[in-house]
Amino acid sequence: MDILERILGIILPVFIIVGVGYGYARRRGEQVRTDMLAINRVSIDVLMPLLIFTALAAKSFNIAHNTTLIFAGVAISLGSGAVAWPVARLFGYDVRSFLPPMMYNNCGNMGLPLAVLAFGATELGAAVALFMACNLVYFSIGIKLLESGHRSPRVAFWRFLANPVMTAMVTGLLFAIFHVSVPVPLFTAMKMLGDACIPLMLFSLGVRMCDISLRSWSIGVVGAIVCPVSGLLVAAVLDQLLPLSAGQRGQMYLFASLPPAVTCFMMAEQYKQEPDKVASIVLLGNLAAFVFVPIGLWLGLSK
């Protein structure tokens, strides 16, 4: 019962905030979704970069200690794509629609808040390391999959590296590697702003869910199952092969159980790659998180 109570204490606040965002957007209508664009821009350009930078630049973050976890994040993202490939072929899905959401889970909006609740703010750096690994895989291989066969303008990889989130990651890693200290008052102010990003991301995720439909529900059901199951299968293999601490092991299983990211829907829409089907995968995947995230937490916290 103790571990069940702990899991419920971790996931319920997350889904309550997401539900509040969804309910508020449904009640207030389209205007709320329009207003959230400005808030999301502030979150992406300012708050999330500060959250990531302060997690990496904190004295408690050890880059050498998290190298294995970064490798695990890359392996889970690539392994999930490898598992999903034959599933897509079996059901006749376009791999350009099905694989990217399997490789890019919701390690930002949902994963970071869950990691803080499950393992504490001092372990946020480990969750950011996994977030970084997943982003590198998606915005290289995942985007190449979306681009293949399309005449849409290509998104240069250097442009992805130049965005505020990646700039914060690179800068934070450099601070961690060379042990550069940030003056305490400045670091405290940056951390306070970064921490504000966590509830805002969850609220925004709830608002965004109002824009997603269930018109292609069948592929959505398959994707909602394949994404976390493939991730957990790869994580189980890595658990036997990698020298992970108890905290890293918990982070890895939580990361592996996360649903597809909302960003996948936005990118599918940009590339006109069956966005309705990707939207169903994202929506049903996030609903299925009620089942799979507790499983991931149980696997990660049970030893």
C-alpha atoms as a PDB file:
ATOM      1  CA  MET A   1       0.000   0.000   0.000  1.00  0.00           C
ATOM      2  CA  ASP A   2       2.880   2.390   0.728  1.00  0.00           C
ATOM      3  CA  ILE A   3       4.162   2.294  -2.857  1.00  0.00           C
ATOM      4  CA  LEU A   4       0.602   2.615  -4.236  1.00  0.00           C
ATOM      5  CA  GLU A   5      -0.023   5.686  -2.084  1.00  0.00           C
ATOM      6  CA  ARG A   6       3.299   7.152  -3.219  1.00  0.00           C
ATOM      7  CA  ILE A   7       2.459   6.569  -6.902  1.00  0.00           C
ATOM      8  CA  LEU A   8      -0.984   8.148  -6.501  1.00  0.00           C
ATOM      9  CA  GLY A   9       0.587  11.076  -4.683  1.00  0.00           C
ATOM     10  CA  ILE A  10       2.923  11.573  -7.653  1.00  0.00           C
ATOM     11  CA  ILE A  11       0.525  11.229 -10.587  1.00  0.00           C
ATOM     12  CA  LEU A  12      -2.702  12.731  -9.242  1.00  0.00           C
ATOM     13  CA  PRO A  13      -1.410  16.333  -8.902  1.00  0.00           C
ATOM     14  CA  VAL A  14      -0.118  16.151 -12.483  1.00  0.00           C
ATOM     15  CA  PHE A  15      -3.398  14.938 -13.976  1.00  0.00           C
ATOM     16  CA  ILE A  16      -5.439  17.312 -11.815  1.00  0.00           C
ATOM     17  CA  ILE A  17      -3.552  20.319 -13.234  1.00  0.00           C
ATOM     18  CA  VAL A  18      -3.901  18.942 -16.788  1.00  0.00           C
ATOM     19  CA  GLY A  19      -7.623  18.446 -16.145  1.00  0.00           C
ATOM     20  CA  VAL A  20      -8.008  21.996 -14.834  1.00  0.00           C
ATOM     21  CA  GLY A  21      -6.390  23.324 -18.009  1.00  0.00           C
ATOM     22  CA  TYR A  22      -8.649  21.188 -20.201  1.00  0.00           C
ATOM     23  CA  GLY A  23     -11.796  22.119 -18.264  1.00  0.00           C
ATOM     24  CA  TYR A  24     -10.978  25.830 -18.280  1.00  0.00           C
ATOM     25  CA  ALA A  25     -10.330  25.807 -22.029  1.00  0.00           C
ATOM     26  CA  ARG A  26     -13.541  23.909 -22.712  1.00  0.00           C
ATOM     27  CA  ARG A  27     -15.526  26.369 -20.609  1.00  0.00           C
ATOM     28  CA  ARG A  28     -13.986  29.558 -21.961  1.00  0.00           C
ATOM     29  CA  GLY A  29     -13.716  28.480 -25.578  1.00  0.00           C
ATOM     30  CA  GLU A  30     -11.348  29.437 -28.366  1.00  0.00           C
ATOM     31  CA  GLN A  31     -10.235  32.688 -26.735  1.00  0.00           C
ATOM     32  CA  VAL A  32      -8.391  30.818 -23.971  1.00  0.00           C
ATOM     33  CA  ARG A  33      -6.452  28.771 -26.519  1.00  0.00           C
ATOM     34  CA  THR A  34      -5.499  31.976 -28.317  1.00  0.00           C
ATOM     35  CA  ASP A  35      -4.433  33.640 -25.063  1.00  0.00           C
ATOM     36  CA  MET A  36      -2.309  30.606 -24.168  1.00  0.00           C
ATOM     37  CA  LEU A  37      -0.152  31.144 -27.242  1.00  0.00           C
ATOM     38  CA  ALA A  38       1.531  34.114 -25.560  1.00  0.00           C
ATOM     39  CA  ILE A  39       1.942  32.214 -22.286  1.00  0.00           C
ATOM     40  CA  ASN A  40       3.382  29.216 -24.132  1.00  0.00           C
ATOM     41  CA  ARG A  41       5.841  31.478 -25.913  1.00  0.00           C
ATOM     42  CA  VAL A  42       7.064  32.829 -22.573  1.00  0.00           C
ATOM     43  CA  SER A  43       7.334  29.278 -21.216  1.00  0.00           C
ATOM     44  CA  ILE A  44       9.308  28.020 -24.209  1.00  0.00           C
ATOM     45  CA  ASP A  45      11.538  31.074 -24.648  1.00  0.00           C
ATOM     46  CA  VAL A  46      12.181  32.002 -21.000  1.00  0.00           C
ATOM     47  CA  LEU A  47      10.846  29.723 -18.268  1.00  0.00           C
ATOM     48  CA  MET A  48      11.724  26.277 -19.627  1.00  0.00           C
ATOM     49  CA  PRO A  49      15.261  27.302 -20.652  1.00  0.00           C
ATOM     50  CA  LEU A  50      15.812  28.659 -17.126  1.00  0.00           C
ATOM     51  CA  LEU A  51      14.391  25.457 -15.611  1.00  0.00           C
ATOM     52  CA  ILE A  52      16.785  23.361 -17.690  1.00  0.00           C
ATOM     53  CA  PHE A  53      19.810  25.614 -17.195  1.00  0.00           C
ATOM     54  CA  THR A  54      19.460  25.786 -13.409  1.00  0.00           C
ATOM     55  CA  ALA A  55      18.978  21.992 -13.224  1.00  0.00           C
ATOM     56  CA  LEU A  56      22.194  21.395 -15.166  1.00  0.00           C
ATOM     57  CA  ALA A  57      24.237  24.233 -13.661  1.00  0.00           C
ATOM     58  CA  ALA A  58      23.291  23.349 -10.081  1.00  0.00           C
ATOM     59  CA  LYS A  59      26.106  22.100  -7.860  1.00  0.00           C
ATOM     60  CA  SER A  60      24.178  18.860  -7.327  1.00  0.00           C
ATOM     61  CA  PHE A  61      24.298  17.940 -11.055  1.00  0.00           C
ATOM     62  CA  ASN A  62      27.170  15.679 -12.072  1.00  0.00           C
ATOM     63  CA  ILE A  63      27.586  15.263 -15.836  1.00  0.00           C
ATOM     64  CA  ALA A  64      29.744  12.152 -15.505  1.00  0.00           C
ATOM     65  CA  HIS A  65      27.195  10.575 -13.160  1.00  0.00           C
ATOM     66  CA  ASN A  66      24.393  11.099 -15.723  1.00  0.00           C
ATOM     67  CA  THR A  67      26.223   9.908 -18.854  1.00  0.00           C
ATOM     68  CA  THR A  68      24.769   6.414 -18.511  1.00  0.00           C
ATOM     69  CA  LEU A  69      21.284   7.878 -18.132  1.00  0.00           C
ATOM     70  CA  ILE A  70      21.708   9.967 -21.291  1.00  0.00           C
ATOM     71  CA  PHE A  71      22.716   6.804 -23.143  1.00  0.00           C
ATOM     72  CA  ALA A  72      19.617   5.065 -21.738  1.00  0.00           C
ATOM     73  CA  GLY A  73      17.383   7.890 -22.978  1.00  0.00           C
ATOM     74  CA  VAL A  74      18.808   7.658 -26.501  1.00  0.00           C
ATOM     75  CA  ALA A  75      18.514   3.861 -26.458  1.00  0.00           C
ATOM     76  CA  ILE A  76      14.865   3.952 -25.301  1.00  0.00           C
ATOM     77  CA  SER A  77      13.905   6.501 -27.981  1.00  0.00           C
ATOM     78  CA  LEU A  78      15.661   4.562 -30.767  1.00  0.00           C
ATOM     79  CA  GLY A  79      14.544   1.188 -29.402  1.00  0.00           C
ATOM     80  CA  SER A  80      10.908   2.313 -29.255  1.00  0.00           C
ATOM     81  CA  GLY A  81      11.137   3.284 -32.920  1.00  0.00           C
ATOM     82  CA  ALA A  82      12.651  -0.104 -33.772  1.00  0.00           C
ATOM     83  CA  VAL A  83       9.850  -1.948 -31.950  1.00  0.00           C
ATOM     84  CA  ALA A  84       7.185   0.261 -33.537  1.00  0.00           C
ATOM     85  CA  TRP A  85       8.454  -0.253 -37.107  1.00  0.00           C
ATOM     86  CA  PRO A  86       7.126  -3.832 -37.586  1.00  0.00           C
ATOM     87  CA  VAL A  87       3.893  -2.863 -35.815  1.00  0.00           C
ATOM     88  CA  ALA A  88       3.368  -0.078 -38.372  1.00  0.00           C
ATOM     89  CA  ARG A  89       4.057  -2.515 -41.216  1.00  0.00           C
ATOM     90  CA  LEU A  90       1.703  -5.109 -39.725  1.00  0.00           C
ATOM     91  CA  PHE A  91      -1.226  -2.667 -39.520  1.00  0.00           C
ATOM     92  CA  GLY A  92      -0.394  -0.851 -42.754  1.00  0.00           C
ATOM     93  CA  TYR A  93       0.383   2.504 -41.103  1.00  0.00           C
ATOM     94  CA  ASP A  94       2.635   5.085 -42.700  1.00  0.00           C
ATOM     95  CA  VAL A  95       5.876   4.863 -40.693  1.00  0.00           C
ATOM     96  CA  ARG A  96       6.313   8.639 -41.067  1.00  0.00           C
ATOM     97  CA  SER A  97       3.107   9.110 -39.073  1.00  0.00           C
ATOM     98  CA  PHE A  98       3.503   6.281 -36.568  1.00  0.00           C
ATOM     99  CA  LEU A  99       7.205   6.151 -35.659  1.00  0.00           C
ATOM    100  CA  PRO A 100       7.983   9.753 -34.595  1.00  0.00           C
ATOM    101  CA  PRO A 101       5.356   9.771 -31.767  1.00  0.00           C
ATOM    102  CA  MET A 102       6.741   6.435 -30.562  1.00  0.00           C
ATOM    103  CA  MET A 103      10.249   7.920 -30.373  1.00  0.00           C
ATOM    104  CA  TYR A 104       9.367  11.252 -28.746  1.00  0.00           C
ATOM    105  CA  ASN A 105       7.495  10.965 -25.484  1.00  0.00           C
ATOM    106  CA  ASN A 106       6.053  13.659 -23.251  1.00  0.00           C
ATOM    107  CA  CYS A 107       9.268  14.040 -21.242  1.00  0.00           C
ATOM    108  CA  GLY A 108       8.835  17.830 -21.067  1.00  0.00           C
ATOM    109  CA  ASN A 109       5.279  18.822 -20.131  1.00  0.00           C
ATOM    110  CA  MET A 110       4.605  15.652 -18.145  1.00  0.00           C
ATOM    111  CA  GLY A 111       7.979  14.033 -17.521  1.00  0.00           C
ATOM    112  CA  LEU A 112       9.725  16.915 -15.741  1.00  0.00           C
ATOM    113  CA  PRO A 113       6.892  17.619 -13.258  1.00  0.00           C
ATOM    114  CA  LEU A 114       6.488  13.894 -12.574  1.00  0.00           C
ATOM    115  CA  ALA A 115      10.223  13.524 -11.958  1.00  0.00           C
ATOM    116  CA  VAL A 116      10.195  16.393  -9.452  1.00  0.00           C
ATOM    117  CA  LEU A 117       7.239  14.887  -7.583  1.00  0.00           C
ATOM    118  CA  ALA A 118       8.668  11.367  -7.650  1.00  0.00           C
ATOM    119  CA  PHE A 119      12.343  12.000  -6.927  1.00  0.00           C
ATOM    120  CA  GLY A 120      12.575  15.556  -5.622  1.00  0.00           C
ATOM    121  CA  ALA A 121      13.831  18.828  -7.074  1.00  0.00           C
ATOM    122  CA  THR A 122      17.466  17.828  -6.502  1.00  0.00           C
ATOM    123  CA  GLU A 123      17.066  15.035  -9.080  1.00  0.00           C
ATOM    124  CA  LEU A 124      15.626  17.295 -11.787  1.00  0.00           C
ATOM    125  CA  GLY A 125      18.984  17.291 -13.579  1.00  0.00           C
ATOM    126  CA  ALA A 126      18.640  13.570 -14.307  1.00  0.00           C
ATOM    127  CA  ALA A 127      15.192  14.128 -15.837  1.00  0.00           C
ATOM    128  CA  VAL A 128      16.613  16.982 -17.937  1.00  0.00           C
ATOM    129  CA  ALA A 129      19.374  14.628 -19.145  1.00  0.00           C
ATOM    130  CA  LEU A 130      16.705  12.209 -20.408  1.00  0.00           C
ATOM    131  CA  PHE A 131      14.736  15.113 -21.912  1.00  0.00           C
ATOM    132  CA  MET A 132      17.857  16.217 -23.785  1.00  0.00           C
ATOM    133  CA  ALA A 133      18.524  12.696 -25.106  1.00  0.00           C
ATOM    134  CA  CYS A 134      14.946  12.305 -26.374  1.00  0.00           C
ATOM    135  CA  ASN A 135      15.007  15.710 -28.089  1.00  0.00           C
ATOM    136  CA  LEU A 136      18.268  14.934 -29.869  1.00  0.00           C
ATOM    137  CA  VAL A 137      16.822  11.705 -31.291  1.00  0.00           C
ATOM    138  CA  TYR A 138      13.509  13.231 -32.349  1.00  0.00           C
ATOM    139  CA  PHE A 139      14.884  16.389 -33.941  1.00  0.00           C
ATOM    140  CA  SER A 140      17.405  14.409 -35.953  1.00  0.00           C
ATOM    141  CA  ILE A 141      15.986  10.995 -36.942  1.00  0.00           C
ATOM    142  CA  GLY A 142      12.344  11.807 -36.176  1.00  0.00           C
ATOM    143  CA  ILE A 143      12.312  14.965 -38.266  1.00  0.00           C
ATOM    144  CA  LYS A 144      14.153  13.213 -41.096  1.00  0.00           C
ATOM    145  CA  LEU A 145      11.330  10.661 -41.159  1.00  0.00           C
ATOM    146  CA  LEU A 146       8.747  13.440 -41.391  1.00  0.00           C
ATOM    147  CA  GLU A 147      10.698  15.170 -44.148  1.00  0.00           C
ATOM    148  CA  SER A 148      11.122  12.054 -46.293  1.00  0.00           C
ATOM    149  CA  GLY A 149       8.772  12.098 -49.263  1.00  0.00           C
ATOM    150  CA  HIS A 150       7.553  15.643 -48.580  1.00  0.00           C
ATOM    151  CA  ARG A 151       8.249  18.942 -50.275  1.00  0.00           C
ATOM    152  CA  SER A 152       7.762  20.927 -47.082  1.00  0.00           C
ATOM    153  CA  PRO A 153      10.640  23.270 -46.195  1.00  0.00           C
ATOM    154  CA  ARG A 154      13.302  21.352 -44.305  1.00  0.00           C
ATOM    155  CA  VAL A 155      14.084  22.354 -40.756  1.00  0.00           C
ATOM    156  CA  ALA A 156      17.862  22.614 -40.521  1.00  0.00           C
ATOM    157  CA  PHE A 157      19.315  20.805 -37.524  1.00  0.00           C
ATOM    158  CA  TRP A 158      21.357  23.874 -36.555  1.00  0.00           C
ATOM    159  CA  ARG A 159      18.110  25.847 -36.176  1.00  0.00           C
ATOM    160  CA  PHE A 160      16.931  23.316 -33.610  1.00  0.00           C
ATOM    161  CA  LEU A 161      20.228  23.640 -31.742  1.00  0.00           C
ATOM    162  CA  ALA A 162      19.822  27.431 -31.767  1.00  0.00           C
ATOM    163  CA  ASN A 163      16.431  27.470 -30.035  1.00  0.00           C
ATOM    164  CA  PRO A 164      16.303  28.679 -26.391  1.00  0.00           C
ATOM    165  CA  VAL A 165      15.752  25.221 -24.884  1.00  0.00           C
ATOM    166  CA  MET A 166      18.747  23.670 -26.635  1.00  0.00           C
ATOM    167  CA  THR A 167      20.859  26.759 -25.948  1.00  0.00           C
ATOM    168  CA  ALA A 168      20.028  26.367 -22.256  1.00  0.00           C
ATOM    169  CA  MET A 169      20.970  22.673 -22.392  1.00  0.00           C
ATOM    170  CA  VAL A 170      24.319  23.313 -24.055  1.00  0.00           C
ATOM    171  CA  THR A 171      25.131  26.248 -21.767  1.00  0.00           C
ATOM    172  CA  GLY A 172      24.075  24.328 -18.671  1.00  0.00           C
ATOM    173  CA  LEU A 173      26.216  21.365 -19.691  1.00  0.00           C
ATOM    174  CA  LEU A 174      29.225  23.628 -20.210  1.00  0.00           C
ATOM    175  CA  PHE A 175      28.687  25.155 -16.760  1.00  0.00           C
ATOM    176  CA  ALA A 176      28.482  21.641 -15.304  1.00  0.00           C
ATOM    177  CA  ILE A 177      31.552  20.326 -17.141  1.00  0.00           C
ATOM    178  CA  PHE A 178      33.770  23.284 -16.237  1.00  0.00           C
ATOM    179  CA  HIS A 179      32.237  23.769 -12.758  1.00  0.00           C
ATOM    180  CA  VAL A 180      31.289  27.393 -13.404  1.00  0.00           C
ATOM    181  CA  SER A 181      29.363  28.916 -10.488  1.00  0.00           C
ATOM    182  CA  VAL A 182      26.487  31.353 -10.913  1.00  0.00           C
ATOM    183  CA  PRO A 183      26.184  34.076  -8.223  1.00  0.00           C
ATOM    184  CA  VAL A 184      23.658  32.894  -5.644  1.00  0.00           C
ATOM    185  CA  PRO A 185      21.146  35.793  -5.973  1.00  0.00           C
ATOM    186  CA  LEU A 186      21.120  35.437  -9.763  1.00  0.00           C
ATOM    187  CA  PHE A 187      20.821  31.650  -9.591  1.00  0.00           C
ATOM    188  CA  THR A 188      17.946  31.902  -7.091  1.00  0.00           C
ATOM    189  CA  ALA A 189      16.046  34.329  -9.320  1.00  0.00           C
ATOM    190  CA  MET A 190      16.602  32.115 -12.380  1.00  0.00           C
ATOM    191  CA  LYS A 191      15.467  29.029 -10.463  1.00  0.00           C
ATOM    192  CA  MET A 192      12.307  30.741  -9.212  1.00  0.00           C
ATOM    193  CA  LEU A 193      11.372  31.646 -12.785  1.00  0.00           C
ATOM    194  CA  GLY A 194      12.235  28.167 -14.031  1.00  0.00           C
ATOM    195  CA  ASP A 195      10.144  26.463 -11.339  1.00  0.00           C
ATOM    196  CA  ALA A 196       7.099  28.453 -12.502  1.00  0.00           C
ATOM    197  CA  CYS A 197       7.324  26.564 -15.793  1.00  0.00           C
ATOM    198  CA  ILE A 198       6.264  23.225 -14.289  1.00  0.00           C
ATOM    199  CA  PRO A 199       2.591  23.985 -13.449  1.00  0.00           C
ATOM    200  CA  LEU A 200       2.300  26.177 -16.549  1.00  0.00           C
ATOM    201  CA  MET A 201       3.424  23.297 -18.799  1.00  0.00           C
ATOM    202  CA  LEU A 202       0.820  20.990 -17.311  1.00  0.00           C
ATOM    203  CA  PHE A 203      -1.967  23.576 -17.545  1.00  0.00           C
ATOM    204  CA  SER A 204      -0.972  24.284 -21.155  1.00  0.00           C
ATOM    205  CA  LEU A 205      -1.017  20.563 -21.958  1.00  0.00           C
ATOM    206  CA  GLY A 206      -4.632  20.418 -20.770  1.00  0.00           C
ATOM    207  CA  VAL A 207      -5.565  23.412 -22.922  1.00  0.00           C
ATOM    208  CA  ARG A 208      -3.834  21.884 -25.956  1.00  0.00           C
ATOM    209  CA  MET A 209      -5.850  18.663 -25.575  1.00  0.00           C
ATOM    210  CA  CYS A 210      -8.974  20.565 -26.611  1.00  0.00           C
ATOM    211  CA  ASP A 211      -7.554  20.895 -30.142  1.00  0.00           C
ATOM    212  CA  ILE A 212      -7.060  17.156 -30.642  1.00  0.00           C
ATOM    213  CA  SER A 213      -9.740  14.917 -32.129  1.00  0.00           C
ATOM    214  CA  LEU A 214     -10.513  11.181 -32.060  1.00  0.00           C
ATOM    215  CA  ARG A 215     -11.392  10.847 -35.734  1.00  0.00           C
ATOM    216  CA  SER A 216      -8.695   8.185 -36.281  1.00  0.00           C
ATOM    217  CA  TRP A 217      -9.231   6.335 -33.029  1.00  0.00           C
ATOM    218  CA  SER A 218      -7.934   2.901 -34.149  1.00  0.00           C
ATOM    219  CA  ILE A 219      -4.359   4.021 -34.830  1.00  0.00           C
ATOM    220  CA  GLY A 220      -4.631   6.093 -31.658  1.00  0.00           C
ATOM    221  CA  VAL A 221      -5.353   2.993 -29.553  1.00  0.00           C
ATOM    222  CA  VAL A 222      -2.432   1.089 -31.080  1.00  0.00           C
ATOM    223  CA  GLY A 223      -0.046   4.015 -30.628  1.00  0.00           C
ATOM    224  CA  ALA A 224      -1.206   4.628 -27.053  1.00  0.00           C
ATOM    225  CA  ILE A 225      -0.197   1.056 -26.190  1.00  0.00           C
ATOM    226  CA  VAL A 226       2.924   0.643 -28.331  1.00  0.00           C
ATOM    227  CA  CYS A 227       4.666   3.845 -27.149  1.00  0.00           C
ATOM    228  CA  PRO A 228       4.899   3.033 -23.412  1.00  0.00           C
ATOM    229  CA  VAL A 229       5.102  -0.763 -23.864  1.00  0.00           C
ATOM    230  CA  SER A 230       8.040  -0.506 -26.278  1.00  0.00           C
ATOM    231  CA  GLY A 231       9.745   1.995 -23.987  1.00  0.00           C
ATOM    232  CA  LEU A 232       9.307  -0.238 -20.937  1.00  0.00           C
ATOM    233  CA  LEU A 233      10.571  -3.294 -22.839  1.00  0.00           C
ATOM    234  CA  VAL A 234      13.752  -1.469 -23.843  1.00  0.00           C
ATOM    235  CA  ALA A 235      14.134  -0.121 -20.297  1.00  0.00           C
ATOM    236  CA  ALA A 236      13.844  -3.668 -18.892  1.00  0.00           C
ATOM    237  CA  VAL A 237      16.697  -4.796 -21.138  1.00  0.00           C
ATOM    238  CA  LEU A 238      18.832  -1.770 -20.213  1.00  0.00           C
ATOM    239  CA  ASP A 239      18.146  -2.429 -16.533  1.00  0.00           C
ATOM    240  CA  GLN A 240      20.047  -5.709 -16.906  1.00  0.00           C
ATOM    241  CA  LEU A 241      22.933  -4.176 -18.837  1.00  0.00           C
ATOM    242  CA  LEU A 242      23.650  -0.723 -17.402  1.00  0.00           C
ATOM    243  CA  PRO A 243      25.146   0.159 -13.999  1.00  0.00           C
ATOM    244  CA  LEU A 244      22.320   2.393 -12.778  1.00  0.00           C
ATOM    245  CA  SER A 245      21.774   3.735  -9.286  1.00  0.00           C
ATOM    246  CA  ALA A 246      18.353   3.305  -7.669  1.00  0.00           C
ATOM    247  CA  GLY A 247      17.413   6.904  -8.523  1.00  0.00           C
ATOM    248  CA  GLN A 248      18.570   6.593 -12.135  1.00  0.00           C
ATOM    249  CA  ARG A 249      16.694   3.330 -12.492  1.00  0.00           C
ATOM    250  CA  GLY A 250      13.492   4.987 -11.293  1.00  0.00           C
ATOM    251  CA  GLN A 251      13.987   7.926 -13.661  1.00  0.00           C
ATOM    252  CA  MET A 252      14.596   5.553 -16.587  1.00  0.00           C
ATOM    253  CA  TYR A 253      11.401   3.552 -16.021  1.00  0.00           C
ATOM    254  CA  LEU A 254       9.341   6.720 -15.546  1.00  0.00           C
ATOM    255  CA  PHE A 255      10.773   8.146 -18.784  1.00  0.00           C
ATOM    256  CA  ALA A 256      10.060   4.888 -20.634  1.00  0.00           C
ATOM    257  CA  SER A 257       6.391   4.842 -19.557  1.00  0.00           C
ATOM    258  CA  LEU A 258       5.529   8.361 -20.770  1.00  0.00           C
ATOM    259  CA  PRO A 259       2.982   8.918 -23.592  1.00  0.00           C
ATOM    260  CA  PRO A 260       3.676  10.584 -26.987  1.00  0.00           C
ATOM    261  CA  ALA A 261       4.426  14.306 -26.834  1.00  0.00           C
ATOM    262  CA  VAL A 262       1.967  16.964 -28.012  1.00  0.00           C
ATOM    263  CA  THR A 263       4.840  18.353 -30.112  1.00  0.00           C
ATOM    264  CA  CYS A 264       4.451  15.330 -32.411  1.00  0.00           C
ATOM    265  CA  PHE A 265       0.988  16.539 -33.411  1.00  0.00           C
ATOM    266  CA  MET A 266       2.265  20.059 -34.033  1.00  0.00           C
ATOM    267  CA  MET A 267       5.125  18.803 -36.227  1.00  0.00           C
ATOM    268  CA  ALA A 268       2.833  16.416 -38.145  1.00  0.00           C
ATOM    269  CA  GLU A 269       0.556  19.373 -38.830  1.00  0.00           C
ATOM    270  CA  GLN A 270       3.502  21.435 -40.075  1.00  0.00           C
ATOM    271  CA  TYR A 271       4.611  18.663 -42.450  1.00  0.00           C
ATOM    272  CA  LYS A 272       1.027  17.687 -43.392  1.00  0.00           C
ATOM    273  CA  GLN A 273       1.816  14.116 -42.341  1.00  0.00           C
ATOM    274  CA  GLU A 274      -1.627  12.736 -41.405  1.00  0.00           C
ATOM    275  CA  PRO A 275      -2.045  15.134 -38.463  1.00  0.00           C
ATOM    276  CA  ASP A 276      -5.479  13.715 -37.589  1.00  0.00           C
ATOM    277  CA  LYS A 277      -3.973  10.259 -36.992  1.00  0.00           C
ATOM    278  CA  VAL A 278      -1.045  11.653 -34.996  1.00  0.00           C
ATOM    279  CA  ALA A 279      -3.517  13.736 -32.969  1.00  0.00           C
ATOM    280  CA  SER A 280      -5.413  10.588 -31.987  1.00  0.00           C
ATOM    281  CA  ILE A 281      -2.166   8.856 -30.995  1.00  0.00           C
ATOM    282  CA  VAL A 282      -1.266  11.812 -28.773  1.00  0.00           C
ATOM    283  CA  LEU A 283      -4.689  12.199 -27.162  1.00  0.00           C
ATOM    284  CA  LEU A 284      -5.294   8.518 -26.452  1.00  0.00           C
ATOM    285  CA  GLY A 285      -1.667   8.090 -25.428  1.00  0.00           C
ATOM    286  CA  ASN A 286      -1.975  10.798 -22.789  1.00  0.00           C
ATOM    287  CA  LEU A 287      -5.227   9.241 -21.540  1.00  0.00           C
ATOM    288  CA  ALA A 288      -3.496   5.850 -21.377  1.00  0.00           C
ATOM    289  CA  ALA A 289      -0.833   7.445 -19.187  1.00  0.00           C
ATOM    290  CA  PHE A 290      -3.260   6.887 -16.303  1.00  0.00           C
ATOM    291  CA  VAL A 291      -2.401   3.185 -16.694  1.00  0.00           C
ATOM    292  CA  PHE A 292       1.197   3.122 -17.935  1.00  0.00           C
ATOM    293  CA  VAL A 293       2.806   5.874 -15.831  1.00  0.00           C
ATOM    294  CA  PRO A 294       1.858   4.091 -12.568  1.00  0.00           C
ATOM    295  CA  ILE A 295       3.332   0.894 -14.044  1.00  0.00           C
ATOM    296  CA  GLY A 296       6.564   2.722 -14.861  1.00  0.00           C
ATOM    297  CA  LEU A 297       6.710   4.257 -11.398  1.00  0.00           C
ATOM    298  CA  TRP A 298       6.015   0.885  -9.776  1.00  0.00           C
ATOM    299  CA  LEU A 299       8.827  -0.771 -11.774  1.00  0.00           C
ATOM    300  CA  GLY A 300      11.185   2.081 -10.966  1.00  0.00           C
ATOM    301  CA  LEU A 301      10.385   2.375  -7.273  1.00  0.00           C
ATOM    302  CA  SER A 302       9.823  -1.279  -6.383  1.00  0.00           C
ATOM    303  CA  LYS A 303      13.469  -2.248  -5.841  1.00  0.00           C
END
